[in-house]
Amino acid sequence: GQAWRQASVGTAAIIYMFVEPDYRKRNVGALALEIISAIHSNQGVDFTILVADDNGSGKLIEWYEQYGFKRAPKLQSLLGSANKEYGVAMMAPTDRRISAAVKLKWW
């Protein structure tokens, strides 16, 4: 059989992040995510979670996916709303090596 090991995982959340429209094409959002990820990593956090709310357009969700965030359906009712009316729950590793080395069943 396969041995399973339970691990302690640290998570932190981005509660609110907004980039003014005039600055969106200047990579300000990408820089903010990079800084937040570095802070979370230095604090021993393994994953960053958030709720992306783009009023149903899908553009913000796609943008976060470009930066390693994945939809987290098992966190949806906890973080957002079950019907996604108030956004889509997402998460990303603070260290990009995690996603290559670990398969998470609940993503």
PDB file of N, CA and C in Angstrom:
ATOM      1  N   GLY A   1       0.800  -1.178   0.000  1.00  0.00           N
ATOM      2  CA  GLY A   1       0.000   0.000   0.000  1.00  0.00           C
ATOM      3  C   GLY A   1       0.847   1.248   0.000  1.00  0.00           C
ATOM      4  N   GLN A   2       0.182   2.315  -0.141  1.00  0.00           N
ATOM      5  CA  GLN A   2       0.831   3.616  -0.181  1.00  0.00           C
ATOM      6  C   GLN A   2       0.720   4.278   1.187  1.00  0.00           C
ATOM      7  N   ALA A   3       1.801   4.804   1.659  1.00  0.00           N
ATOM      8  CA  ALA A   3       1.800   5.471   2.966  1.00  0.00           C
ATOM      9  C   ALA A   3       1.365   6.922   2.793  1.00  0.00           C
ATOM     10  N   TRP A   4       0.464   7.365   3.642  1.00  0.00           N
ATOM     11  CA  TRP A   4       0.005   8.745   3.622  1.00  0.00           C
ATOM     12  C   TRP A   4       0.535   9.454   4.853  1.00  0.00           C
ATOM     13  N   ARG A   5       0.944  10.658   4.660  1.00  0.00           N
ATOM     14  CA  ARG A   5       1.455  11.438   5.771  1.00  0.00           C
ATOM     15  C   ARG A   5       0.631  12.710   5.884  1.00  0.00           C
ATOM     16  N   GLN A   6       0.161  12.957   7.057  1.00  0.00           N
ATOM     17  CA  GLN A   6      -0.579  14.188   7.291  1.00  0.00           C
ATOM     18  C   GLN A   6       0.421  15.294   7.562  1.00  0.00           C
ATOM     19  N   ALA A   7       0.240  16.400   6.895  1.00  0.00           N
ATOM     20  CA  ALA A   7       1.170  17.510   7.048  1.00  0.00           C
ATOM     21  C   ALA A   7       0.441  18.731   7.589  1.00  0.00           C
ATOM     22  N   SER A   8       1.179  19.524   8.296  1.00  0.00           N
ATOM     23  CA  SER A   8       0.655  20.797   8.759  1.00  0.00           C
ATOM     24  C   SER A   8       0.908  21.818   7.654  1.00  0.00           C
ATOM     25  N   VAL A   9      -0.131  22.498   7.243  1.00  0.00           N
ATOM     26  CA  VAL A   9      -0.018  23.438   6.137  1.00  0.00           C
ATOM     27  C   VAL A   9      -0.448  24.815   6.613  1.00  0.00           C
ATOM     28  N   GLY A  10       0.398  25.797   6.353  1.00  0.00           N
ATOM     29  CA  GLY A  10       0.070  27.168   6.714  1.00  0.00           C
ATOM     30  C   GLY A  10      -0.586  27.887   5.550  1.00  0.00           C
ATOM     31  N   THR A  11      -1.673  28.581   5.829  1.00  0.00           N
ATOM     32  CA  THR A  11      -2.343  29.362   4.790  1.00  0.00           C
ATOM     33  C   THR A  11      -2.531  30.800   5.254  1.00  0.00           C
ATOM     34  N   ALA A  12      -2.545  31.686   4.296  1.00  0.00           N
ATOM     35  CA  ALA A  12      -2.832  33.100   4.555  1.00  0.00           C
ATOM     36  C   ALA A  12      -3.751  33.573   3.438  1.00  0.00           C
ATOM     37  N   ALA A  13      -4.463  34.633   3.686  1.00  0.00           N
ATOM     38  CA  ALA A  13      -5.446  35.104   2.708  1.00  0.00           C
ATOM     39  C   ALA A  13      -5.139  36.512   2.226  1.00  0.00           C
ATOM     40  N   ILE A  14      -5.482  36.743   0.981  1.00  0.00           N
ATOM     41  CA  ILE A  14      -5.559  38.104   0.459  1.00  0.00           C
ATOM     42  C   ILE A  14      -7.020  38.500   0.648  1.00  0.00           C
ATOM     43  N   ILE A  15      -7.259  39.435   1.530  1.00  0.00           N
ATOM     44  CA  ILE A  15      -8.625  39.830   1.850  1.00  0.00           C
ATOM     45  C   ILE A  15      -9.187  40.780   0.797  1.00  0.00           C
ATOM     46  N   TYR A  16      -8.404  41.733   0.372  1.00  0.00           N
ATOM     47  CA  TYR A  16      -8.887  42.684  -0.623  1.00  0.00           C
ATOM     48  C   TYR A  16      -7.701  43.224  -1.390  1.00  0.00           C
ATOM     49  N   MET A  17      -7.776  43.153  -2.703  1.00  0.00           N
ATOM     50  CA  MET A  17      -6.733  43.723  -3.551  1.00  0.00           C
ATOM     51  C   MET A  17      -7.427  44.352  -4.749  1.00  0.00           C
ATOM     52  N   PHE A  18      -7.156  45.600  -4.981  1.00  0.00           N
ATOM     53  CA  PHE A  18      -7.759  46.314  -6.103  1.00  0.00           C
ATOM     54  C   PHE A  18      -6.690  47.174  -6.743  1.00  0.00           C
ATOM     55  N   VAL A  19      -6.592  47.094  -8.052  1.00  0.00           N
ATOM     56  CA  VAL A  19      -5.663  47.936  -8.802  1.00  0.00           C
ATOM     57  C   VAL A  19      -6.505  48.887  -9.650  1.00  0.00           C
ATOM     58  N   GLU A  20      -6.246  50.166  -9.506  1.00  0.00           N
ATOM     59  CA  GLU A  20      -6.970  51.167 -10.292  1.00  0.00           C
ATOM     60  C   GLU A  20      -6.801  50.865 -11.786  1.00  0.00           C
ATOM     61  N   PRO A  21      -7.858  51.057 -12.562  1.00  0.00           N
ATOM     62  CA  PRO A  21      -7.799  50.737 -13.992  1.00  0.00           C
ATOM     63  C   PRO A  21      -6.611  51.357 -14.732  1.00  0.00           C
ATOM     64  N   ASP A  22      -6.232  52.578 -14.392  1.00  0.00           N
ATOM     65  CA  ASP A  22      -5.110  53.233 -15.076  1.00  0.00           C
ATOM     66  C   ASP A  22      -3.778  52.522 -14.857  1.00  0.00           C
ATOM     67  N   TYR A  23      -3.682  51.686 -13.819  1.00  0.00           N
ATOM     68  CA  TYR A  23      -2.424  51.022 -13.490  1.00  0.00           C
ATOM     69  C   TYR A  23      -2.409  49.542 -13.864  1.00  0.00           C
ATOM     70  N   ARG A  24      -3.500  49.023 -14.374  1.00  0.00           N
ATOM     71  CA  ARG A  24      -3.598  47.585 -14.637  1.00  0.00           C
ATOM     72  C   ARG A  24      -2.663  47.105 -15.736  1.00  0.00           C
ATOM     73  N   LYS A  25      -2.358  47.918 -16.700  1.00  0.00           N
ATOM     74  CA  LYS A  25      -1.462  47.512 -17.784  1.00  0.00           C
ATOM     75  C   LYS A  25       0.007  47.738 -17.428  1.00  0.00           C
ATOM     76  N   ARG A  26       0.279  48.179 -16.228  1.00  0.00           N
ATOM     77  CA  ARG A  26       1.654  48.465 -15.788  1.00  0.00           C
ATOM     78  C   ARG A  26       2.208  47.377 -14.872  1.00  0.00           C
ATOM     79  N   ASN A  27       1.529  46.238 -14.794  1.00  0.00           N
ATOM     80  CA  ASN A  27       1.956  45.090 -13.980  1.00  0.00           C
ATOM     81  C   ASN A  27       1.989  45.364 -12.485  1.00  0.00           C
ATOM     82  N   VAL A  28       1.230  46.343 -12.031  1.00  0.00           N
ATOM     83  CA  VAL A  28       1.172  46.645 -10.605  1.00  0.00           C
ATOM     84  C   VAL A  28       0.571  45.466  -9.844  1.00  0.00           C
ATOM     85  N   GLY A  29      -0.464  44.843 -10.389  1.00  0.00           N
ATOM     86  CA  GLY A  29      -1.086  43.691  -9.737  1.00  0.00           C
ATOM     87  C   GLY A  29      -0.128  42.521  -9.617  1.00  0.00           C
ATOM     88  N   ALA A  30       0.626  42.264 -10.681  1.00  0.00           N
ATOM     89  CA  ALA A  30       1.603  41.169 -10.656  1.00  0.00           C
ATOM     90  C   ALA A  30       2.679  41.441  -9.613  1.00  0.00           C
ATOM     91  N   LEU A  31       3.133  42.675  -9.527  1.00  0.00           N
ATOM     92  CA  LEU A  31       4.133  43.042  -8.525  1.00  0.00           C
ATOM     93  C   LEU A  31       3.564  42.872  -7.118  1.00  0.00           C
ATOM     94  N   ALA A  32       2.317  43.278  -6.922  1.00  0.00           N
ATOM     95  CA  ALA A  32       1.679  43.112  -5.611  1.00  0.00           C
ATOM     96  C   ALA A  32       1.604  41.638  -5.232  1.00  0.00           C
ATOM     97  N   LEU A  33       1.213  40.765  -6.173  1.00  0.00           N
ATOM     98  CA  LEU A  33       1.157  39.327  -5.883  1.00  0.00           C
ATOM     99  C   LEU A  33       2.535  38.772  -5.542  1.00  0.00           C
ATOM    100  N   GLU A  34       3.555  39.232  -6.250  1.00  0.00           N
ATOM    101  CA  GLU A  34       4.922  38.777  -5.978  1.00  0.00           C
ATOM    102  C   GLU A  34       5.353  39.172  -4.563  1.00  0.00           C
ATOM    103  N   ILE A  35       5.059  40.391  -4.178  1.00  0.00           N
ATOM    104  CA  ILE A  35       5.424  40.868  -2.840  1.00  0.00           C
ATOM    105  C   ILE A  35       4.636  40.119  -1.767  1.00  0.00           C
ATOM    106  N   ILE A  36       3.334  39.955  -1.981  1.00  0.00           N
ATOM    107  CA  ILE A  36       2.506  39.223  -1.019  1.00  0.00           C
ATOM    108  C   ILE A  36       3.004  37.792  -0.871  1.00  0.00           C
ATOM    109  N   SER A  37       3.323  37.145  -1.978  1.00  0.00           N
ATOM    110  CA  SER A  37       3.822  35.770  -1.937  1.00  0.00           C
ATOM    111  C   SER A  37       5.138  35.688  -1.166  1.00  0.00           C
ATOM    112  N   ALA A  38       6.027  36.652  -1.381  1.00  0.00           N
ATOM    113  CA  ALA A  38       7.307  36.664  -0.662  1.00  0.00           C
ATOM    114  C   ALA A  38       7.087  36.863   0.836  1.00  0.00           C
ATOM    115  N   ILE A  39       6.188  37.756   1.196  1.00  0.00           N
ATOM    116  CA  ILE A  39       5.883  37.979   2.614  1.00  0.00           C
ATOM    117  C   ILE A  39       5.312  36.707   3.227  1.00  0.00           C
ATOM    118  N   HIS A  40       4.341  36.100   2.546  1.00  0.00           N
ATOM    119  CA  HIS A  40       3.737  34.868   3.062  1.00  0.00           C
ATOM    120  C   HIS A  40       4.778  33.761   3.198  1.00  0.00           C
ATOM    121  N   SER A  41       5.641  33.626   2.211  1.00  0.00           N
ATOM    122  CA  SER A  41       6.685  32.598   2.264  1.00  0.00           C
ATOM    123  C   SER A  41       7.622  32.832   3.446  1.00  0.00           C
ATOM    124  N   ASN A  42       8.027  34.087   3.650  1.00  0.00           N
ATOM    125  CA  ASN A  42       8.913  34.412   4.774  1.00  0.00           C
ATOM    126  C   ASN A  42       8.246  34.174   6.124  1.00  0.00           C
ATOM    127  N   GLN A  43       6.921  34.223   6.151  1.00  0.00           N
ATOM    128  CA  GLN A  43       6.178  33.970   7.387  1.00  0.00           C
ATOM    129  C   GLN A  43       5.900  32.482   7.589  1.00  0.00           C
ATOM    130  N   GLY A  44       6.392  31.652   6.689  1.00  0.00           N
ATOM    131  CA  GLY A  44       6.181  30.213   6.810  1.00  0.00           C
ATOM    132  C   GLY A  44       4.854  29.728   6.263  1.00  0.00           C
ATOM    133  N   VAL A  45       4.207  30.557   5.482  1.00  0.00           N
ATOM    134  CA  VAL A  45       2.922  30.203   4.884  1.00  0.00           C
ATOM    135  C   VAL A  45       3.174  29.388   3.620  1.00  0.00           C
ATOM    136  N   ASP A  46       2.417  28.315   3.451  1.00  0.00           N
ATOM    137  CA  ASP A  46       2.572  27.454   2.282  1.00  0.00           C
ATOM    138  C   ASP A  46       1.668  27.857   1.122  1.00  0.00           C
ATOM    139  N   PHE A  47       0.461  28.318   1.443  1.00  0.00           N
ATOM    140  CA  PHE A  47      -0.513  28.650   0.405  1.00  0.00           C
ATOM    141  C   PHE A  47      -1.207  29.969   0.698  1.00  0.00           C
ATOM    142  N   THR A  48      -1.503  30.696  -0.369  1.00  0.00           N
ATOM    143  CA  THR A  48      -2.287  31.919  -0.283  1.00  0.00           C
ATOM    144  C   THR A  48      -3.660  31.626  -0.869  1.00  0.00           C
ATOM    145  N   ILE A  49      -4.700  32.034  -0.157  1.00  0.00           N
ATOM    146  CA  ILE A  49      -6.066  31.832  -0.631  1.00  0.00           C
ATOM    147  C   ILE A  49      -6.730  33.186  -0.850  1.00  0.00           C
ATOM    148  N   LEU A  50      -7.719  33.205  -1.728  1.00  0.00           N
ATOM    149  CA  LEU A  50      -8.460  34.432  -2.008  1.00  0.00           C
ATOM    150  C   LEU A  50      -9.789  34.077  -2.648  1.00  0.00           C
ATOM    151  N   VAL A  51     -10.637  35.069  -2.771  1.00  0.00           N
ATOM    152  CA  VAL A  51     -11.877  34.941  -3.534  1.00  0.00           C
ATOM    153  C   VAL A  51     -11.810  35.980  -4.644  1.00  0.00           C
ATOM    154  N   ALA A  52     -11.819  35.503  -5.885  1.00  0.00           N
ATOM    155  CA  ALA A  52     -11.774  36.399  -7.044  1.00  0.00           C
ATOM    156  C   ALA A  52     -13.202  36.719  -7.459  1.00  0.00           C
ATOM    157  N   ASP A  53     -13.563  37.977  -7.382  1.00  0.00           N
ATOM    158  CA  ASP A  53     -14.916  38.397  -7.745  1.00  0.00           C
ATOM    159  C   ASP A  53     -14.829  39.373  -8.910  1.00  0.00           C
ATOM    160  N   ASP A  54     -15.184  38.896 -10.079  1.00  0.00           N
ATOM    161  CA  ASP A  54     -15.128  39.739 -11.268  1.00  0.00           C
ATOM    162  C   ASP A  54     -16.514  39.924 -11.890  1.00  0.00           C
ATOM    163  N   ASN A  55     -17.525  39.812 -11.054  1.00  0.00           N
ATOM    164  CA  ASN A  55     -18.919  39.985 -11.490  1.00  0.00           C
ATOM    165  C   ASN A  55     -19.303  39.040 -12.618  1.00  0.00           C
ATOM    166  N   GLY A  56     -18.675  37.865 -12.637  1.00  0.00           N
ATOM    167  CA  GLY A  56     -19.042  36.838 -13.601  1.00  0.00           C
ATOM    168  C   GLY A  56     -18.360  36.905 -14.947  1.00  0.00           C
ATOM    169  N   SER A  57     -17.472  37.853 -15.175  1.00  0.00           N
ATOM    170  CA  SER A  57     -16.826  37.968 -16.489  1.00  0.00           C
ATOM    171  C   SER A  57     -15.779  36.880 -16.721  1.00  0.00           C
ATOM    172  N   GLY A  58     -15.172  36.375 -15.643  1.00  0.00           N
ATOM    173  CA  GLY A  58     -14.125  35.368 -15.775  1.00  0.00           C
ATOM    174  C   GLY A  58     -12.739  35.936 -16.010  1.00  0.00           C
ATOM    175  N   LYS A  59     -12.630  37.226 -16.304  1.00  0.00           N
ATOM    176  CA  LYS A  59     -11.328  37.828 -16.621  1.00  0.00           C
ATOM    177  C   LYS A  59     -10.384  37.847 -15.428  1.00  0.00           C
ATOM    178  N   LEU A  60     -10.898  38.184 -14.256  1.00  0.00           N
ATOM    179  CA  LEU A  60     -10.040  38.232 -13.070  1.00  0.00           C
ATOM    180  C   LEU A  60      -9.576  36.827 -12.683  1.00  0.00           C
ATOM    181  N   ILE A  61     -10.458  35.858 -12.817  1.00  0.00           N
ATOM    182  CA  ILE A  61     -10.090  34.473 -12.512  1.00  0.00           C
ATOM    183  C   ILE A  61      -8.977  34.024 -13.446  1.00  0.00           C
ATOM    184  N   GLU A  62      -9.108  34.317 -14.733  1.00  0.00           N
ATOM    185  CA  GLU A  62      -8.054  33.979 -15.699  1.00  0.00           C
ATOM    186  C   GLU A  62      -6.754  34.684 -15.348  1.00  0.00           C
ATOM    187  N   TRP A  63      -6.844  35.932 -14.908  1.00  0.00           N
ATOM    188  CA  TRP A  63      -5.640  36.682 -14.548  1.00  0.00           C
ATOM    189  C   TRP A  63      -4.922  36.000 -13.388  1.00  0.00           C
ATOM    190  N   TYR A  64      -5.662  35.629 -12.331  1.00  0.00           N
ATOM    191  CA  TYR A  64      -5.044  34.943 -11.198  1.00  0.00           C
ATOM    192  C   TYR A  64      -4.463  33.596 -11.622  1.00  0.00           C
ATOM    193  N   GLU A  65      -5.127  32.898 -12.537  1.00  0.00           N
ATOM    194  CA  GLU A  65      -4.609  31.608 -13.012  1.00  0.00           C
ATOM    195  C   GLU A  65      -3.258  31.773 -13.697  1.00  0.00           C
ATOM    196  N   GLN A  66      -3.034  32.898 -14.350  1.00  0.00           N
ATOM    197  CA  GLN A  66      -1.732  33.172 -14.972  1.00  0.00           C
ATOM    198  C   GLN A  66      -0.615  33.231 -13.934  1.00  0.00           C
ATOM    199  N   TYR A  67      -0.956  33.523 -12.702  1.00  0.00           N
ATOM    200  CA  TYR A  67       0.027  33.658 -11.633  1.00  0.00           C
ATOM    201  C   TYR A  67      -0.002  32.480 -10.665  1.00  0.00           C
ATOM    202  N   GLY A  68      -0.499  31.346 -11.137  1.00  0.00           N
ATOM    203  CA  GLY A  68      -0.406  30.112 -10.364  1.00  0.00           C
ATOM    204  C   GLY A  68      -1.585  29.786  -9.471  1.00  0.00           C
ATOM    205  N   PHE A  69      -2.585  30.640  -9.426  1.00  0.00           N
ATOM    206  CA  PHE A  69      -3.757  30.337  -8.610  1.00  0.00           C
ATOM    207  C   PHE A  69      -4.633  29.328  -9.336  1.00  0.00           C
ATOM    208  N   LYS A  70      -5.231  28.444  -8.565  1.00  0.00           N
ATOM    209  CA  LYS A  70      -6.149  27.449  -9.102  1.00  0.00           C
ATOM    210  C   LYS A  70      -7.464  27.555  -8.345  1.00  0.00           C
ATOM    211  N   ARG A  71      -8.523  27.194  -9.021  1.00  0.00           N
ATOM    212  CA  ARG A  71      -9.828  27.174  -8.365  1.00  0.00           C
ATOM    213  C   ARG A  71      -9.806  26.139  -7.252  1.00  0.00           C
ATOM    214  N   ALA A  72     -10.406  26.463  -6.142  1.00  0.00           N
ATOM    215  CA  ALA A  72     -10.435  25.572  -4.977  1.00  0.00           C
ATOM    216  C   ALA A  72     -11.894  25.283  -4.629  1.00  0.00           C
ATOM    217  N   PRO A  73     -12.523  24.378  -5.382  1.00  0.00           N
ATOM    218  CA  PRO A  73     -13.963  24.154  -5.196  1.00  0.00           C
ATOM    219  C   PRO A  73     -14.357  23.679  -3.806  1.00  0.00           C
ATOM    220  N   LYS A  74     -13.476  22.965  -3.129  1.00  0.00           N
ATOM    221  CA  LYS A  74     -13.833  22.489  -1.788  1.00  0.00           C
ATOM    222  C   LYS A  74     -13.769  23.603  -0.746  1.00  0.00           C
ATOM    223  N   LEU A  75     -13.182  24.729  -1.107  1.00  0.00           N
ATOM    224  CA  LEU A  75     -13.160  25.890  -0.218  1.00  0.00           C
ATOM    225  C   LEU A  75     -14.242  26.899  -0.584  1.00  0.00           C
ATOM    226  N   GLN A  76     -14.952  26.640  -1.679  1.00  0.00           N
ATOM    227  CA  GLN A  76     -15.901  27.615  -2.211  1.00  0.00           C
ATOM    228  C   GLN A  76     -16.952  28.053  -1.196  1.00  0.00           C
ATOM    229  N   SER A  77     -17.637  27.116  -0.571  1.00  0.00           N
ATOM    230  CA  SER A  77     -18.705  27.518   0.354  1.00  0.00           C
ATOM    231  C   SER A  77     -18.150  28.158   1.621  1.00  0.00           C
ATOM    232  N   LEU A  78     -16.905  27.843   1.959  1.00  0.00           N
ATOM    233  CA  LEU A  78     -16.273  28.430   3.134  1.00  0.00           C
ATOM    234  C   LEU A  78     -15.842  29.875   2.868  1.00  0.00           C
ATOM    235  N   LEU A  79     -15.271  30.121   1.699  1.00  0.00           N
ATOM    236  CA  LEU A  79     -14.699  31.434   1.402  1.00  0.00           C
ATOM    237  C   LEU A  79     -15.616  32.353   0.609  1.00  0.00           C
ATOM    238  N   GLY A  80     -16.355  31.780  -0.303  1.00  0.00           N
ATOM    239  CA  GLY A  80     -17.207  32.602  -1.162  1.00  0.00           C
ATOM    240  C   GLY A  80     -18.650  32.253  -0.910  1.00  0.00           C
ATOM    241  N   SER A  81     -19.291  31.780  -1.929  1.00  0.00           N
ATOM    242  CA  SER A  81     -20.656  31.287  -1.798  1.00  0.00           C
ATOM    243  C   SER A  81     -20.774  30.069  -2.700  1.00  0.00           C
ATOM    244  N   ALA A  82     -21.592  29.142  -2.316  1.00  0.00           N
ATOM    245  CA  ALA A  82     -21.689  27.870  -3.035  1.00  0.00           C
ATOM    246  C   ALA A  82     -22.006  28.057  -4.515  1.00  0.00           C
ATOM    247  N   ASN A  83     -22.806  29.058  -4.845  1.00  0.00           N
ATOM    248  CA  ASN A  83     -23.173  29.272  -6.244  1.00  0.00           C
ATOM    249  C   ASN A  83     -22.238  30.249  -6.961  1.00  0.00           C
ATOM    250  N   LYS A  84     -21.165  30.638  -6.336  1.00  0.00           N
ATOM    251  CA  LYS A  84     -20.142  31.537  -6.880  1.00  0.00           C
ATOM    252  C   LYS A  84     -20.665  32.953  -7.131  1.00  0.00           C
ATOM    253  N   GLU A  85     -21.811  33.277  -6.557  1.00  0.00           N
ATOM    254  CA  GLU A  85     -22.382  34.608  -6.732  1.00  0.00           C
ATOM    255  C   GLU A  85     -21.445  35.689  -6.189  1.00  0.00           C
ATOM    256  N   TYR A  86     -20.716  35.359  -5.133  1.00  0.00           N
ATOM    257  CA  TYR A  86     -19.818  36.336  -4.517  1.00  0.00           C
ATOM    258  C   TYR A  86     -18.360  36.009  -4.782  1.00  0.00           C
ATOM    259  N   GLY A  87     -18.057  35.416  -5.911  1.00  0.00           N
ATOM    260  CA  GLY A  87     -16.685  35.154  -6.290  1.00  0.00           C
ATOM    261  C   GLY A  87     -16.317  33.686  -6.260  1.00  0.00           C
ATOM    262  N   VAL A  88     -15.122  33.413  -6.770  1.00  0.00           N
ATOM    263  CA  VAL A  88     -14.605  32.053  -6.900  1.00  0.00           C
ATOM    264  C   VAL A  88     -13.416  31.883  -5.962  1.00  0.00           C
ATOM    265  N   ALA A  89     -13.470  30.865  -5.109  1.00  0.00           N
ATOM    266  CA  ALA A  89     -12.362  30.578  -4.190  1.00  0.00           C
ATOM    267  C   ALA A  89     -11.175  30.053  -4.993  1.00  0.00           C
ATOM    268  N   MET A  90      -9.991  30.583  -4.688  1.00  0.00           N
ATOM    269  CA  MET A  90      -8.772  30.186  -5.395  1.00  0.00           C
ATOM    270  C   MET A  90      -7.635  30.078  -4.392  1.00  0.00           C
ATOM    271  N   MET A  91      -6.614  29.335  -4.770  1.00  0.00           N
ATOM    272  CA  MET A  91      -5.423  29.257  -3.929  1.00  0.00           C
ATOM    273  C   MET A  91      -4.194  29.018  -4.785  1.00  0.00           C
ATOM    274  N   ALA A  92      -3.035  29.374  -4.233  1.00  0.00           N
ATOM    275  CA  ALA A  92      -1.758  29.177  -4.914  1.00  0.00           C
ATOM    276  C   ALA A  92      -0.680  28.930  -3.876  1.00  0.00           C
ATOM    277  N   PRO A  93       0.319  28.133  -4.238  1.00  0.00           N
ATOM    278  CA  PRO A  93       1.446  27.943  -3.321  1.00  0.00           C
ATOM    279  C   PRO A  93       2.298  29.204  -3.265  1.00  0.00           C
ATOM    280  N   THR A  94       2.874  29.482  -2.107  1.00  0.00           N
ATOM    281  CA  THR A  94       3.771  30.635  -2.007  1.00  0.00           C
ATOM    282  C   THR A  94       5.124  30.314  -2.629  1.00  0.00           C
ATOM    283  N   ASP A  95       5.450  29.038  -2.694  1.00  0.00           N
ATOM    284  CA  ASP A  95       6.694  28.575  -3.302  1.00  0.00           C
ATOM    285  C   ASP A  95       6.311  27.752  -4.524  1.00  0.00           C
ATOM    286  N   ARG A  96       6.668  28.197  -5.703  1.00  0.00           N
ATOM    287  CA  ARG A  96       6.270  27.536  -6.948  1.00  0.00           C
ATOM    288  C   ARG A  96       6.729  26.084  -7.025  1.00  0.00           C
ATOM    289  N   ARG A  97       7.739  25.706  -6.260  1.00  0.00           N
ATOM    290  CA  ARG A  97       8.194  24.306  -6.267  1.00  0.00           C
ATOM    291  C   ARG A  97       7.155  23.381  -5.649  1.00  0.00           C
ATOM    292  N   ILE A  98       6.290  23.907  -4.798  1.00  0.00           N
ATOM    293  CA  ILE A  98       5.272  23.075  -4.148  1.00  0.00           C
ATOM    294  C   ILE A  98       4.334  22.482  -5.183  1.00  0.00           C
ATOM    295  N   SER A  99       3.863  23.292  -6.126  1.00  0.00           N
ATOM    296  CA  SER A  99       2.880  22.796  -7.086  1.00  0.00           C
ATOM    297  C   SER A  99       3.456  21.701  -7.964  1.00  0.00           C
ATOM    298  N   ALA A 100       4.751  21.709  -8.197  1.00  0.00           N
ATOM    299  CA  ALA A 100       5.373  20.665  -9.011  1.00  0.00           C
ATOM    300  C   ALA A 100       5.591  19.386  -8.215  1.00  0.00           C
ATOM    301  N   ALA A 101       5.768  19.506  -6.906  1.00  0.00           N
ATOM    302  CA  ALA A 101       6.129  18.352  -6.081  1.00  0.00           C
ATOM    303  C   ALA A 101       4.953  17.717  -5.351  1.00  0.00           C
ATOM    304  N   VAL A 102       3.855  18.435  -5.214  1.00  0.00           N
ATOM    305  CA  VAL A 102       2.751  17.959  -4.387  1.00  0.00           C
ATOM    306  C   VAL A 102       1.467  17.918  -5.210  1.00  0.00           C
ATOM    307  N   LYS A 103       0.743  16.841  -5.067  1.00  0.00           N
ATOM    308  CA  LYS A 103      -0.575  16.754  -5.698  1.00  0.00           C
ATOM    309  C   LYS A 103      -1.614  16.877  -4.597  1.00  0.00           C
ATOM    310  N   LEU A 104      -2.402  17.913  -4.669  1.00  0.00           N
ATOM    311  CA  LEU A 104      -3.430  18.137  -3.667  1.00  0.00           C
ATOM    312  C   LEU A 104      -4.756  17.614  -4.190  1.00  0.00           C
ATOM    313  N   LYS A 105      -5.387  16.766  -3.411  1.00  0.00           N
ATOM    314  CA  LYS A 105      -6.631  16.134  -3.835  1.00  0.00           C
ATOM    315  C   LYS A 105      -7.801  17.104  -3.882  1.00  0.00           C
ATOM    316  N   TRP A 106      -7.757  18.163  -3.134  1.00  0.00           N
ATOM    317  CA  TRP A 106      -8.932  19.015  -2.982  1.00  0.00           C
ATOM    318  C   TRP A 106      -8.887  20.285  -3.809  1.00  0.00           C
ATOM    319  N   TRP A 107      -7.914  20.396  -4.700  1.00  0.00           N
ATOM    320  CA  TRP A 107      -7.898  21.577  -5.578  1.00  0.00           C
ATOM    321  C   TRP A 107      -8.945  21.444  -6.606  1.00  0.00           C
TER     322      TRP A 107
END
